[in-house]
């Protein structure tokens, strides 16, 4: 996983994760299993997680 710097950004990409925009907001998924892991409470996307098309 990416390292938090405490400066509002991450160093490196988050591995084995992707995110997709759903009607309820941004959802993080495991790239290997496709399982949904986490949903954002606000409208902003996850930091350092690649987006699915």
PDB file of N, CA and C in Angstrom:
ATOM      1  N   UNK A   1       0.849  -1.176   0.000  1.00  0.00           N
ATOM      2  CA  UNK A   1       0.000   0.000   0.000  1.00  0.00           C
ATOM      3  C   UNK A   1       0.894   1.238   0.000  1.00  0.00           C
ATOM      4  N   UNK A   2       0.311   2.352  -0.387  1.00  0.00           N
ATOM      5  CA  UNK A   2       1.047   3.608  -0.427  1.00  0.00           C
ATOM      6  C   UNK A   2       1.269   4.127   0.988  1.00  0.00           C
ATOM      7  N   UNK A   3       2.306   4.922   1.149  1.00  0.00           N
ATOM      8  CA  UNK A   3       2.649   5.495   2.454  1.00  0.00           C
ATOM      9  C   UNK A   3       2.019   6.875   2.596  1.00  0.00           C
ATOM     10  N   UNK A   4       1.442   7.153   3.774  1.00  0.00           N
ATOM     11  CA  UNK A   4       0.926   8.486   4.064  1.00  0.00           C
ATOM     12  C   UNK A   4       2.086   9.395   4.440  1.00  0.00           C
ATOM     13  N   UNK A   5       2.063  10.629   3.955  1.00  0.00           N
ATOM     14  CA  UNK A   5       3.123  11.573   4.269  1.00  0.00           C
ATOM     15  C   UNK A   5       2.699  12.584   5.324  1.00  0.00           C
ATOM     16  N   UNK A   6       1.389  12.755   5.533  1.00  0.00           N
ATOM     17  CA  UNK A   6       0.916  13.771   6.462  1.00  0.00           C
ATOM     18  C   UNK A   6       0.795  15.134   5.819  1.00  0.00           C
ATOM     19  N   UNK A   7       1.095  15.226   4.521  1.00  0.00           N
ATOM     20  CA  UNK A   7       1.046  16.498   3.802  1.00  0.00           C
ATOM     21  C   UNK A   7      -0.096  16.553   2.803  1.00  0.00           C
ATOM     22  N   UNK A   8      -1.109  15.710   2.950  1.00  0.00           N
ATOM     23  CA  UNK A   8      -2.258  15.743   2.060  1.00  0.00           C
ATOM     24  C   UNK A   8      -2.084  14.963   0.774  1.00  0.00           C
ATOM     25  N   UNK A   9      -1.025  14.150   0.690  1.00  0.00           N
ATOM     26  CA  UNK A   9      -0.825  13.323  -0.499  1.00  0.00           C
ATOM     27  C   UNK A   9      -0.137  12.037  -0.088  1.00  0.00           C
ATOM     28  N   UNK A  10      -0.088  11.077  -0.998  1.00  0.00           N
ATOM     29  CA  UNK A  10       0.567   9.804  -0.737  1.00  0.00           C
ATOM     30  C   UNK A  10       1.779   9.665  -1.639  1.00  0.00           C
ATOM     31  N   UNK A  11       2.734   8.856  -1.205  1.00  0.00           N
ATOM     32  CA  UNK A  11       3.904   8.556  -2.006  1.00  0.00           C
ATOM     33  C   UNK A  11       3.697   7.185  -2.621  1.00  0.00           C
ATOM     34  N   UNK A  12       3.589   7.135  -3.936  1.00  0.00           N
ATOM     35  CA  UNK A  12       3.380   5.876  -4.635  1.00  0.00           C
ATOM     36  C   UNK A  12       1.911   5.550  -4.789  1.00  0.00           C
ATOM     37  N   UNK A  13       1.641   4.603  -5.662  1.00  0.00           N
ATOM     38  CA  UNK A  13       0.268   4.196  -5.932  1.00  0.00           C
ATOM     39  C   UNK A  13      -0.164   3.121  -4.949  1.00  0.00           C
ATOM     40  N   UNK A  14      -1.460   3.037  -4.693  1.00  0.00           N
ATOM     41  CA  UNK A  14      -2.020   1.979  -3.868  1.00  0.00           C
ATOM     42  C   UNK A  14      -2.095   0.726  -4.735  1.00  0.00           C
ATOM     43  N   UNK A  15      -1.520  -0.370  -4.288  1.00  0.00           N
ATOM     44  CA  UNK A  15      -1.426  -1.602  -5.068  1.00  0.00           C
ATOM     45  C   UNK A  15      -2.684  -2.451  -4.918  1.00  0.00           C
ATOM     46  N   UNK A  16      -3.030  -3.160  -5.984  1.00  0.00           N
ATOM     47  CA  UNK A  16      -4.134  -4.127  -6.002  1.00  0.00           C
ATOM     48  C   UNK A  16      -5.483  -3.522  -5.634  1.00  0.00           C
ATOM     49  N   UNK A  17      -5.684  -2.255  -5.918  1.00  0.00           N
ATOM     50  CA  UNK A  17      -6.946  -1.583  -5.634  1.00  0.00           C
ATOM     51  C   UNK A  17      -7.326  -0.727  -6.838  1.00  0.00           C
ATOM     52  N   UNK A  18      -8.631  -0.523  -7.014  1.00  0.00           N
ATOM     53  CA  UNK A  18      -9.138   0.409  -8.017  1.00  0.00           C
ATOM     54  C   UNK A  18     -10.385   1.038  -7.439  1.00  0.00           C
ATOM     55  N   UNK A  19     -10.844   2.110  -8.065  1.00  0.00           N
ATOM     56  CA  UNK A  19     -12.056   2.765  -7.589  1.00  0.00           C
ATOM     57  C   UNK A  19     -12.970   3.050  -8.763  1.00  0.00           C
ATOM     58  N   UNK A  20     -14.255   3.052  -8.467  1.00  0.00           N
ATOM     59  CA  UNK A  20     -15.264   3.277  -9.492  1.00  0.00           C
ATOM     60  C   UNK A  20     -16.308   4.231  -8.913  1.00  0.00           C
ATOM     61  N   UNK A  21     -16.837   5.108  -9.753  1.00  0.00           N
ATOM     62  CA  UNK A  21     -17.870   6.052  -9.330  1.00  0.00           C
ATOM     63  C   UNK A  21     -19.230   5.395  -9.520  1.00  0.00           C
ATOM     64  N   UNK A  22     -19.986   5.252  -8.437  1.00  0.00           N
ATOM     65  CA  UNK A  22     -21.323   4.679  -8.460  1.00  0.00           C
ATOM     66  C   UNK A  22     -22.323   5.778  -8.115  1.00  0.00           C
ATOM     67  N   UNK A  23     -23.613   5.528  -8.242  1.00  0.00           N
ATOM     68  CA  UNK A  23     -24.602   6.543  -7.858  1.00  0.00           C
ATOM     69  C   UNK A  23     -24.520   6.936  -6.376  1.00  0.00           C
ATOM     70  N   UNK A  24     -23.974   6.055  -5.530  1.00  0.00           N
ATOM     71  CA  UNK A  24     -23.851   6.385  -4.103  1.00  0.00           C
ATOM     72  C   UNK A  24     -22.520   7.037  -3.762  1.00  0.00           C
ATOM     73  N   UNK A  25     -21.580   7.110  -4.711  1.00  0.00           N
ATOM     74  CA  UNK A  25     -20.279   7.739  -4.474  1.00  0.00           C
ATOM     75  C   UNK A  25     -19.144   6.840  -4.928  1.00  0.00           C
ATOM     76  N   UNK A  26     -17.910   7.197  -4.535  1.00  0.00           N
ATOM     77  CA  UNK A  26     -16.721   6.444  -4.919  1.00  0.00           C
ATOM     78  C   UNK A  26     -16.620   5.181  -4.076  1.00  0.00           C
ATOM     79  N   UNK A  27     -16.359   4.043  -4.742  1.00  0.00           N
ATOM     80  CA  UNK A  27     -16.230   2.759  -4.072  1.00  0.00           C
ATOM     81  C   UNK A  27     -14.880   2.163  -4.451  1.00  0.00           C
ATOM     82  N   UNK A  28     -14.152   1.668  -3.442  1.00  0.00           N
ATOM     83  CA  UNK A  28     -12.858   1.038  -3.666  1.00  0.00           C
ATOM     84  C   UNK A  28     -13.056  -0.464  -3.826  1.00  0.00           C
ATOM     85  N   UNK A  29     -12.338  -1.061  -4.819  1.00  0.00           N
ATOM     86  CA  UNK A  29     -12.467  -2.493  -5.089  1.00  0.00           C
ATOM     87  C   UNK A  29     -11.112  -3.170  -5.067  1.00  0.00           C
ATOM     88  N   UNK A  30     -11.110  -4.436  -4.693  1.00  0.00           N
ATOM     89  CA  UNK A  30      -9.918  -5.271  -4.775  1.00  0.00           C
ATOM     90  C   UNK A  30      -9.774  -5.714  -6.229  1.00  0.00           C
ATOM     91  N   UNK A  31      -8.616  -5.493  -6.832  1.00  0.00           N
ATOM     92  CA  UNK A  31      -8.423  -5.817  -8.249  1.00  0.00           C
ATOM     93  C   UNK A  31      -8.418  -7.317  -8.508  1.00  0.00           C
ATOM     94  N   UNK A  32      -7.979  -8.111  -7.546  1.00  0.00           N
ATOM     95  CA  UNK A  32      -7.907  -9.552  -7.745  1.00  0.00           C
ATOM     96  C   UNK A  32      -9.260 -10.228  -7.660  1.00  0.00           C
ATOM     97  N   UNK A  33     -10.033  -9.934  -6.623  1.00  0.00           N
ATOM     98  CA  UNK A  33     -11.313 -10.617  -6.405  1.00  0.00           C
ATOM     99  C   UNK A  33     -12.503  -9.841  -6.935  1.00  0.00           C
ATOM    100  N   UNK A  34     -12.364  -8.525  -7.117  1.00  0.00           N
ATOM    101  CA  UNK A  34     -13.480  -7.696  -7.559  1.00  0.00           C
ATOM    102  C   UNK A  34     -14.411  -7.310  -6.422  1.00  0.00           C
ATOM    103  N   UNK A  35     -14.065  -7.687  -5.192  1.00  0.00           N
ATOM    104  CA  UNK A  35     -14.901  -7.409  -4.023  1.00  0.00           C
ATOM    105  C   UNK A  35     -14.839  -5.925  -3.663  1.00  0.00           C
ATOM    106  N   UNK A  36     -16.001  -5.343  -3.332  1.00  0.00           N
ATOM    107  CA  UNK A  36     -16.045  -3.961  -2.872  1.00  0.00           C
ATOM    108  C   UNK A  36     -15.515  -3.895  -1.448  1.00  0.00           C
ATOM    109  N   UNK A  37     -14.628  -2.916  -1.180  1.00  0.00           N
ATOM    110  CA  UNK A  37     -13.968  -2.837   0.111  1.00  0.00           C
ATOM    111  C   UNK A  37     -14.444  -1.670   0.953  1.00  0.00           C
ATOM    112  N   UNK A  38     -14.593  -0.499   0.338  1.00  0.00           N
ATOM    113  CA  UNK A  38     -14.840   0.700   1.118  1.00  0.00           C
ATOM    114  C   UNK A  38     -15.558   1.714   0.244  1.00  0.00           C
ATOM    115  N   UNK A  39     -16.359   2.579   0.876  1.00  0.00           N
ATOM    116  CA  UNK A  39     -17.059   3.645   0.154  1.00  0.00           C
ATOM    117  C   UNK A  39     -16.737   4.968   0.829  1.00  0.00           C
ATOM    118  N   UNK A  40     -16.535   6.011   0.035  1.00  0.00           N
ATOM    119  CA  UNK A  40     -16.224   7.330   0.558  1.00  0.00           C
ATOM    120  C   UNK A  40     -17.482   7.990   1.110  1.00  0.00           C
ATOM    121  N   UNK A  41     -17.327   8.699   2.231  1.00  0.00           N
ATOM    122  CA  UNK A  41     -18.445   9.408   2.845  1.00  0.00           C
ATOM    123  C   UNK A  41     -18.710  10.739   2.135  1.00  0.00           C
ATOM    124  N   UNK A  42     -17.672  11.316   1.520  1.00  0.00           N
ATOM    125  CA  UNK A  42     -17.849  12.576   0.801  1.00  0.00           C
ATOM    126  C   UNK A  42     -17.788  12.326  -0.708  1.00  0.00           C
ATOM    127  N   UNK A  43     -17.850  13.378  -1.487  1.00  0.00           N
ATOM    128  CA  UNK A  43     -17.919  13.242  -2.948  1.00  0.00           C
ATOM    129  C   UNK A  43     -16.547  13.161  -3.615  1.00  0.00           C
ATOM    130  N   UNK A  44     -15.463  13.269  -2.844  1.00  0.00           N
ATOM    131  CA  UNK A  44     -14.117  13.250  -3.412  1.00  0.00           C
ATOM    132  C   UNK A  44     -13.638  11.814  -3.606  1.00  0.00           C
ATOM    133  N   UNK A  45     -12.835  11.550  -4.656  1.00  0.00           N
ATOM    134  CA  UNK A  45     -12.313  10.194  -4.858  1.00  0.00           C
ATOM    135  C   UNK A  45     -11.207   9.864  -3.852  1.00  0.00           C
ATOM    136  N   UNK A  46     -10.871   8.581  -3.750  1.00  0.00           N
ATOM    137  CA  UNK A  46      -9.764   8.149  -2.909  1.00  0.00           C
ATOM    138  C   UNK A  46      -8.460   8.688  -3.479  1.00  0.00           C
ATOM    139  N   UNK A  47      -7.479   8.968  -2.622  1.00  0.00           N
ATOM    140  CA  UNK A  47      -6.183   9.467  -3.066  1.00  0.00           C
ATOM    141  C   UNK A  47      -5.277   8.286  -3.418  1.00  0.00           C
ATOM    142  N   UNK A  48      -4.627   8.356  -4.570  1.00  0.00           N
ATOM    143  CA  UNK A  48      -3.627   7.369  -4.948  1.00  0.00           C
ATOM    144  C   UNK A  48      -4.179   6.050  -5.429  1.00  0.00           C
ATOM    145  N   UNK A  49      -5.492   5.946  -5.636  1.00  0.00           N
ATOM    146  CA  UNK A  49      -6.115   4.707  -6.105  1.00  0.00           C
ATOM    147  C   UNK A  49      -6.541   4.915  -7.551  1.00  0.00           C
ATOM    148  N   UNK A  50      -6.143   4.005  -8.439  1.00  0.00           N
ATOM    149  CA  UNK A  50      -6.471   4.180  -9.869  1.00  0.00           C
ATOM    150  C   UNK A  50      -7.976   4.042 -10.086  1.00  0.00           C
ATOM    151  N   UNK A  51      -8.449   4.701 -11.134  1.00  0.00           N
ATOM    152  CA  UNK A  51      -9.883   4.716 -11.448  1.00  0.00           C
ATOM    153  C   UNK A  51     -10.186   3.737 -12.567  1.00  0.00           C
ATOM    154  N   UNK A  52     -11.310   3.065 -12.448  1.00  0.00           N
ATOM    155  CA  UNK A  52     -11.769   2.170 -13.506  1.00  0.00           C
ATOM    156  C   UNK A  52     -12.534   2.973 -14.548  1.00  0.00           C
ATOM    157  N   UNK A  53     -12.551   2.476 -15.772  1.00  0.00           N
ATOM    158  CA  UNK A  53     -13.296   3.139 -16.829  1.00  0.00           C
ATOM    159  C   UNK A  53     -14.709   2.648 -16.860  1.00  0.00           C
TER     160      UNK A  53
END
